[in-house]
Amino acid sequence: MAHIVVVGAGIGGMPAAYELRARLGAAHRVTVVNATDYFQFVPSNPWVAVGWRTRDDIVVPVRPYLERKGIDFIAQRVTMLEPQHDRLQLADDTWLDYAHLVLTTGPRLAFEEVPGAGPEGGFPQSLC
């Protein structure tokens, strides 16, 4: 059994986790890690600002939707990647091991935020 970790529970991470679960079946473990326990549809933020929507209209709790599909969820920020050891560190200083890692943390690639995450001397491949 392989453990696949998806970092990020937004527009990229949620569909990635669902697709992994559908394609891999129950034989493999899928875990989503996100800094918050909710998904916020960011393109609707201006609507909240002008009163056309409320925050409740654009924010969805992540856990129940993932658990319904048999996907584990951890609501913590990732503080460090150690790709050479196939693991990442969470904000509470625990380590999470993985066989495969999918980074879906958003459009700004802040490699400097997580040691070991940069393409220069690091391990990831980026679509951006």
N, C-alpha and C. Protein backbone atom coordinates (compact mmCIF):
# COMPACT_ATOMS: atom_id res chain seq x y z
N MET A 1 0.84 -1.18 0.00
CA MET A 1 0.00 0.00 0.00
C MET A 1 0.89 1.24 0.00
N ALA A 2 0.63 2.15 -0.93
CA ALA A 2 1.36 3.41 -1.00
C ALA A 2 0.57 4.50 -0.28
N HIS A 3 1.30 5.45 0.28
CA HIS A 3 0.67 6.61 0.92
C HIS A 3 0.96 7.83 0.06
N ILE A 4 -0.10 8.44 -0.46
CA ILE A 4 0.03 9.62 -1.29
C ILE A 4 -0.46 10.81 -0.48
N VAL A 5 0.37 11.84 -0.37
CA VAL A 5 0.00 13.04 0.38
C VAL A 5 -0.18 14.19 -0.61
N VAL A 6 -1.31 14.87 -0.48
CA VAL A 6 -1.60 16.06 -1.27
C VAL A 6 -1.53 17.25 -0.31
N VAL A 7 -0.65 18.20 -0.59
CA VAL A 7 -0.55 19.40 0.24
C VAL A 7 -1.32 20.51 -0.46
N GLY A 8 -2.37 20.97 0.21
CA GLY A 8 -3.24 22.00 -0.34
C GLY A 8 -4.63 21.45 -0.58
N ALA A 9 -5.64 22.16 -0.10
CA ALA A 9 -7.03 21.71 -0.25
C ALA A 9 -7.84 22.77 -0.97
N GLY A 10 -7.30 23.26 -2.06
CA GLY A 10 -7.99 24.29 -2.83
C GLY A 10 -8.47 23.75 -4.16
N ILE A 11 -8.48 24.63 -5.14
CA ILE A 11 -9.00 24.29 -6.46
C ILE A 11 -8.17 23.18 -7.12
N GLY A 12 -6.91 23.07 -6.76
CA GLY A 12 -6.08 21.99 -7.29
C GLY A 12 -6.08 20.75 -6.41
N GLY A 13 -5.97 20.94 -5.11
CA GLY A 13 -5.81 19.82 -4.19
C GLY A 13 -7.03 18.93 -4.02
N MET A 14 -8.20 19.55 -3.92
CA MET A 14 -9.41 18.74 -3.73
C MET A 14 -9.66 17.83 -4.93
N PRO A 15 -9.67 18.36 -6.16
CA PRO A 15 -9.85 17.45 -7.31
C PRO A 15 -8.73 16.42 -7.44
N ALA A 16 -7.50 16.82 -7.12
CA ALA A 16 -6.38 15.86 -7.19
C ALA A 16 -6.61 14.71 -6.24
N ALA A 17 -7.03 15.00 -5.01
CA ALA A 17 -7.28 13.95 -4.03
C ALA A 17 -8.43 13.05 -4.47
N TYR A 18 -9.50 13.65 -4.97
CA TYR A 18 -10.64 12.86 -5.45
C TYR A 18 -10.22 11.94 -6.60
N GLU A 19 -9.45 12.48 -7.52
CA GLU A 19 -9.01 11.69 -8.68
C GLU A 19 -8.09 10.55 -8.25
N LEU A 20 -7.17 10.85 -7.34
CA LEU A 20 -6.29 9.80 -6.83
C LEU A 20 -7.09 8.69 -6.17
N ARG A 21 -8.05 9.07 -5.34
CA ARG A 21 -8.87 8.07 -4.67
C ARG A 21 -9.63 7.22 -5.69
N ALA A 22 -10.22 7.86 -6.69
CA ALA A 22 -10.99 7.14 -7.69
C ALA A 22 -10.11 6.18 -8.50
N ARG A 23 -8.92 6.63 -8.86
CA ARG A 23 -8.04 5.81 -9.70
C ARG A 23 -7.31 4.73 -8.91
N LEU A 24 -6.96 5.02 -7.67
CA LEU A 24 -6.16 4.08 -6.89
C LEU A 24 -7.00 3.11 -6.08
N GLY A 25 -8.23 3.47 -5.80
CA GLY A 25 -9.07 2.60 -4.99
C GLY A 25 -8.60 2.57 -3.54
N ALA A 26 -9.20 1.68 -2.79
CA ALA A 26 -8.94 1.60 -1.35
C ALA A 26 -7.61 0.94 -1.01
N ALA A 27 -6.93 0.41 -2.00
CA ALA A 27 -5.66 -0.28 -1.73
C ALA A 27 -4.55 0.68 -1.31
N HIS A 28 -4.72 1.98 -1.59
CA HIS A 28 -3.71 2.97 -1.25
C HIS A 28 -4.31 4.06 -0.37
N ARG A 29 -3.47 4.65 0.45
CA ARG A 29 -3.91 5.70 1.37
C ARG A 29 -3.67 7.06 0.74
N VAL A 30 -4.68 7.94 0.81
CA VAL A 30 -4.56 9.31 0.32
C VAL A 30 -4.83 10.24 1.51
N THR A 31 -3.93 11.20 1.73
CA THR A 31 -4.07 12.17 2.80
C THR A 31 -3.91 13.57 2.22
N VAL A 32 -4.82 14.46 2.61
CA VAL A 32 -4.71 15.87 2.24
C VAL A 32 -4.26 16.64 3.48
N VAL A 33 -3.27 17.51 3.30
CA VAL A 33 -2.77 18.38 4.37
C VAL A 33 -3.02 19.82 3.92
N ASN A 34 -3.64 20.60 4.79
CA ASN A 34 -3.93 22.00 4.47
C ASN A 34 -3.76 22.84 5.72
N ALA A 35 -3.31 24.06 5.57
CA ALA A 35 -3.07 24.95 6.72
C ALA A 35 -4.35 25.28 7.47
N THR A 36 -5.49 25.26 6.78
CA THR A 36 -6.77 25.55 7.43
C THR A 36 -7.71 24.36 7.24
N ASP A 37 -8.79 24.35 8.00
CA ASP A 37 -9.74 23.24 7.89
C ASP A 37 -10.89 23.56 6.94
N TYR A 38 -10.71 24.56 6.10
CA TYR A 38 -11.76 24.96 5.17
C TYR A 38 -11.19 25.30 3.80
N PHE A 39 -12.06 25.29 2.81
CA PHE A 39 -11.77 25.76 1.47
C PHE A 39 -12.53 27.05 1.27
N GLN A 40 -11.83 28.06 0.78
CA GLN A 40 -12.48 29.35 0.51
C GLN A 40 -12.34 29.64 -0.98
N PHE A 41 -13.48 29.88 -1.63
CA PHE A 41 -13.46 30.18 -3.06
C PHE A 41 -13.01 31.63 -3.24
N VAL A 42 -11.70 31.81 -3.35
CA VAL A 42 -11.07 33.13 -3.36
C VAL A 42 -11.61 34.06 -4.45
N PRO A 43 -11.93 33.57 -5.65
CA PRO A 43 -12.46 34.50 -6.65
C PRO A 43 -13.74 35.22 -6.21
N SER A 44 -14.42 34.71 -5.20
CA SER A 44 -15.64 35.37 -4.72
C SER A 44 -15.39 36.37 -3.60
N ASN A 45 -14.16 36.54 -3.17
CA ASN A 45 -13.86 37.51 -2.11
C ASN A 45 -14.39 38.91 -2.41
N PRO A 46 -14.26 39.41 -3.65
CA PRO A 46 -14.80 40.75 -3.91
C PRO A 46 -16.32 40.83 -3.69
N TRP A 47 -17.03 39.74 -3.94
CA TRP A 47 -18.48 39.72 -3.71
C TRP A 47 -18.81 39.88 -2.24
N VAL A 48 -17.97 39.28 -1.39
CA VAL A 48 -18.17 39.44 0.06
C VAL A 48 -17.90 40.90 0.44
N ALA A 49 -16.86 41.47 -0.14
CA ALA A 49 -16.49 42.85 0.20
C ALA A 49 -17.59 43.85 -0.14
N VAL A 50 -18.33 43.59 -1.21
CA VAL A 50 -19.38 44.53 -1.60
C VAL A 50 -20.77 44.08 -1.11
N GLY A 51 -20.82 43.02 -0.33
CA GLY A 51 -22.08 42.58 0.27
C GLY A 51 -22.96 41.71 -0.62
N TRP A 52 -22.45 41.22 -1.74
CA TRP A 52 -23.24 40.37 -2.62
C TRP A 52 -23.26 38.93 -2.14
N ARG A 53 -22.30 38.54 -1.31
CA ARG A 53 -22.22 37.21 -0.71
C ARG A 53 -21.76 37.38 0.73
N THR A 54 -21.99 36.35 1.53
CA THR A 54 -21.43 36.32 2.88
C THR A 54 -20.25 35.35 2.87
N ARG A 55 -19.45 35.41 3.90
CA ARG A 55 -18.32 34.48 4.00
C ARG A 55 -18.82 33.04 3.99
N ASP A 56 -19.95 32.79 4.66
CA ASP A 56 -20.51 31.43 4.67
C ASP A 56 -20.87 30.93 3.27
N ASP A 57 -21.14 31.85 2.35
CA ASP A 57 -21.47 31.46 0.97
C ASP A 57 -20.25 30.94 0.21
N ILE A 58 -19.05 31.33 0.63
CA ILE A 58 -17.85 31.00 -0.16
C ILE A 58 -16.85 30.13 0.59
N VAL A 59 -17.20 29.70 1.82
CA VAL A 59 -16.31 28.87 2.62
C VAL A 59 -16.98 27.53 2.90
N VAL A 60 -16.21 26.46 2.70
CA VAL A 60 -16.73 25.10 2.88
C VAL A 60 -15.77 24.33 3.78
N PRO A 61 -16.26 23.62 4.80
CA PRO A 61 -15.37 22.78 5.60
C PRO A 61 -14.84 21.62 4.74
N VAL A 62 -13.58 21.32 4.86
CA VAL A 62 -12.93 20.33 4.00
C VAL A 62 -13.14 18.90 4.49
N ARG A 63 -12.97 18.67 5.77
CA ARG A 63 -12.94 17.31 6.31
C ARG A 63 -14.12 16.43 5.89
N PRO A 64 -15.37 16.87 6.04
CA PRO A 64 -16.47 15.95 5.72
C PRO A 64 -16.48 15.50 4.26
N TYR A 65 -16.08 16.36 3.35
CA TYR A 65 -16.08 16.01 1.93
C TYR A 65 -14.97 15.02 1.60
N LEU A 66 -13.83 15.16 2.25
CA LEU A 66 -12.73 14.22 2.03
C LEU A 66 -13.02 12.88 2.69
N GLU A 67 -13.47 12.92 3.93
CA GLU A 67 -13.74 11.66 4.65
C GLU A 67 -14.82 10.84 3.96
N ARG A 68 -15.80 11.51 3.36
CA ARG A 68 -16.85 10.81 2.61
C ARG A 68 -16.27 9.96 1.49
N LYS A 69 -15.12 10.36 0.98
CA LYS A 69 -14.46 9.64 -0.11
C LYS A 69 -13.35 8.71 0.39
N GLY A 70 -13.19 8.61 1.72
CA GLY A 70 -12.14 7.76 2.27
C GLY A 70 -10.77 8.38 2.20
N ILE A 71 -10.72 9.70 2.24
CA ILE A 71 -9.45 10.44 2.17
C ILE A 71 -9.19 11.04 3.55
N ASP A 72 -7.99 10.81 4.08
CA ASP A 72 -7.61 11.37 5.37
C ASP A 72 -7.34 12.86 5.23
N PHE A 73 -7.50 13.59 6.34
CA PHE A 73 -7.28 15.03 6.30
C PHE A 73 -6.54 15.48 7.55
N ILE A 74 -5.55 16.35 7.36
CA ILE A 74 -4.80 16.95 8.45
C ILE A 74 -4.83 18.46 8.25
N ALA A 75 -5.38 19.18 9.22
CA ALA A 75 -5.46 20.64 9.15
C ALA A 75 -4.27 21.24 9.89
N GLN A 76 -3.14 21.26 9.21
CA GLN A 76 -1.92 21.85 9.75
C GLN A 76 -1.08 22.39 8.61
N ARG A 77 -0.30 23.37 8.92
CA ARG A 77 0.65 23.94 7.96
C ARG A 77 1.86 23.01 7.84
N VAL A 78 2.37 22.87 6.64
CA VAL A 78 3.62 22.14 6.41
C VAL A 78 4.76 23.12 6.63
N THR A 79 5.72 22.73 7.47
CA THR A 79 6.83 23.63 7.78
C THR A 79 8.14 23.23 7.10
N MET A 80 8.24 21.96 6.67
CA MET A 80 9.48 21.54 6.02
C MET A 80 9.22 20.29 5.18
N LEU A 81 9.91 20.22 4.06
CA LEU A 81 9.91 19.02 3.23
C LEU A 81 11.27 18.37 3.32
N GLU A 82 11.28 17.05 3.39
CA GLU A 82 12.52 16.28 3.28
C GLU A 82 12.30 15.23 2.20
N PRO A 83 12.34 15.67 0.93
CA PRO A 83 12.06 14.73 -0.16
C PRO A 83 13.06 13.58 -0.24
N GLN A 84 14.28 13.81 0.22
CA GLN A 84 15.27 12.73 0.21
C GLN A 84 14.89 11.62 1.18
N HIS A 85 13.99 11.92 2.14
CA HIS A 85 13.50 10.92 3.10
C HIS A 85 12.01 10.65 2.94
N ASP A 86 11.40 11.21 1.89
CA ASP A 86 9.96 11.04 1.63
C ASP A 86 9.11 11.35 2.85
N ARG A 87 9.33 12.54 3.38
CA ARG A 87 8.53 12.95 4.54
C ARG A 87 8.43 14.47 4.59
N LEU A 88 7.43 14.93 5.33
CA LEU A 88 7.26 16.35 5.56
C LEU A 88 6.95 16.58 7.03
N GLN A 89 7.29 17.78 7.48
CA GLN A 89 7.06 18.14 8.88
C GLN A 89 5.86 19.07 8.96
N LEU A 90 5.04 18.84 9.99
CA LEU A 90 3.85 19.65 10.21
C LEU A 90 4.12 20.70 11.28
N ALA A 91 3.22 21.65 11.42
CA ALA A 91 3.38 22.75 12.37
C ALA A 91 3.55 22.28 13.81
N ASP A 92 2.98 21.12 14.15
CA ASP A 92 3.13 20.61 15.52
C ASP A 92 4.41 19.78 15.70
N ASP A 93 5.32 19.87 14.72
CA ASP A 93 6.63 19.19 14.71
C ASP A 93 6.55 17.69 14.47
N THR A 94 5.38 17.15 14.14
CA THR A 94 5.30 15.73 13.77
C THR A 94 5.71 15.59 12.31
N TRP A 95 6.10 14.38 11.96
CA TRP A 95 6.51 14.07 10.59
C TRP A 95 5.47 13.18 9.94
N LEU A 96 5.26 13.38 8.65
CA LEU A 96 4.32 12.57 7.88
C LEU A 96 5.09 11.96 6.72
N ASP A 97 5.16 10.63 6.70
CA ASP A 97 5.85 9.92 5.63
C ASP A 97 4.91 9.72 4.44
N TYR A 98 5.48 9.66 3.25
CA TYR A 98 4.70 9.45 2.05
C TYR A 98 5.51 8.66 1.03
N ALA A 99 4.81 8.03 0.10
CA ALA A 99 5.46 7.39 -1.04
C ALA A 99 5.48 8.35 -2.22
N HIS A 100 4.41 9.17 -2.32
CA HIS A 100 4.29 10.16 -3.39
C HIS A 100 3.73 11.44 -2.79
N LEU A 101 4.21 12.58 -3.29
CA LEU A 101 3.78 13.88 -2.78
C LEU A 101 3.27 14.73 -3.93
N VAL A 102 2.08 15.34 -3.73
CA VAL A 102 1.51 16.25 -4.71
C VAL A 102 1.37 17.61 -4.03
N LEU A 103 2.05 18.63 -4.56
CA LEU A 103 1.98 19.98 -3.99
C LEU A 103 0.99 20.81 -4.80
N THR A 104 -0.08 21.25 -4.14
CA THR A 104 -1.11 22.05 -4.80
C THR A 104 -1.40 23.26 -3.91
N THR A 105 -0.37 24.01 -3.61
CA THR A 105 -0.48 25.08 -2.62
C THR A 105 -0.87 26.43 -3.20
N GLY A 106 -1.14 26.50 -4.48
CA GLY A 106 -1.61 27.76 -5.05
C GLY A 106 -0.70 28.30 -6.13
N PRO A 107 -1.09 29.42 -6.72
CA PRO A 107 -0.39 29.94 -7.88
C PRO A 107 0.95 30.60 -7.58
N ARG A 108 1.15 31.10 -6.37
CA ARG A 108 2.44 31.71 -6.05
C ARG A 108 3.35 30.63 -5.50
N LEU A 109 4.40 30.37 -6.22
CA LEU A 109 5.32 29.32 -5.81
C LEU A 109 6.38 29.91 -4.90
N ALA A 110 6.12 29.85 -3.60
CA ALA A 110 7.02 30.42 -2.60
C ALA A 110 7.98 29.34 -2.11
N PHE A 111 8.85 28.90 -2.99
CA PHE A 111 9.78 27.83 -2.64
C PHE A 111 10.64 28.20 -1.43
N GLU A 112 10.91 29.49 -1.26
CA GLU A 112 11.75 29.92 -0.15
C GLU A 112 11.10 29.67 1.20
N GLU A 113 9.79 29.44 1.23
CA GLU A 113 9.06 29.24 2.48
C GLU A 113 9.32 27.86 3.11
N VAL A 114 9.67 26.88 2.27
CA VAL A 114 9.84 25.51 2.77
C VAL A 114 11.18 24.98 2.30
N PRO A 115 12.14 24.79 3.21
CA PRO A 115 13.44 24.27 2.82
C PRO A 115 13.32 22.95 2.07
N GLY A 116 14.04 22.83 0.96
CA GLY A 116 14.01 21.61 0.17
C GLY A 116 12.95 21.60 -0.92
N ALA A 117 12.16 22.68 -1.05
CA ALA A 117 11.06 22.69 -2.00
C ALA A 117 11.41 23.33 -3.34
N GLY A 118 12.56 23.93 -3.48
CA GLY A 118 12.86 24.67 -4.70
C GLY A 118 13.35 23.82 -5.85
N PRO A 119 13.08 24.24 -7.09
CA PRO A 119 13.55 23.46 -8.23
C PRO A 119 15.07 23.54 -8.41
N GLU A 120 15.69 24.65 -7.95
CA GLU A 120 17.15 24.74 -7.99
C GLU A 120 17.70 24.05 -6.76
N GLY A 121 18.23 22.85 -6.96
CA GLY A 121 18.77 22.07 -5.84
C GLY A 121 17.70 21.35 -5.06
N GLY A 122 16.46 21.42 -5.49
CA GLY A 122 15.38 20.73 -4.81
C GLY A 122 14.87 19.58 -5.67
N PHE A 123 13.68 19.10 -5.35
CA PHE A 123 13.18 17.90 -6.01
C PHE A 123 11.91 18.07 -6.83
N PRO A 124 11.12 19.13 -6.63
CA PRO A 124 9.82 19.17 -7.30
C PRO A 124 9.90 19.54 -8.77
N GLN A 125 8.83 19.19 -9.47
CA GLN A 125 8.59 19.65 -10.82
C GLN A 125 7.36 20.54 -10.74
N SER A 126 7.34 21.64 -11.47
CA SER A 126 6.25 22.58 -11.39
C SER A 126 5.56 22.74 -12.73
N LEU A 127 4.24 22.83 -12.70
CA LEU A 127 3.47 23.13 -13.91
C LEU A 127 3.41 24.62 -14.17
N CYS A 128 3.78 25.43 -13.17
CA CYS A 128 3.74 26.88 -13.33
C CYS A 128 5.03 27.34 -13.93
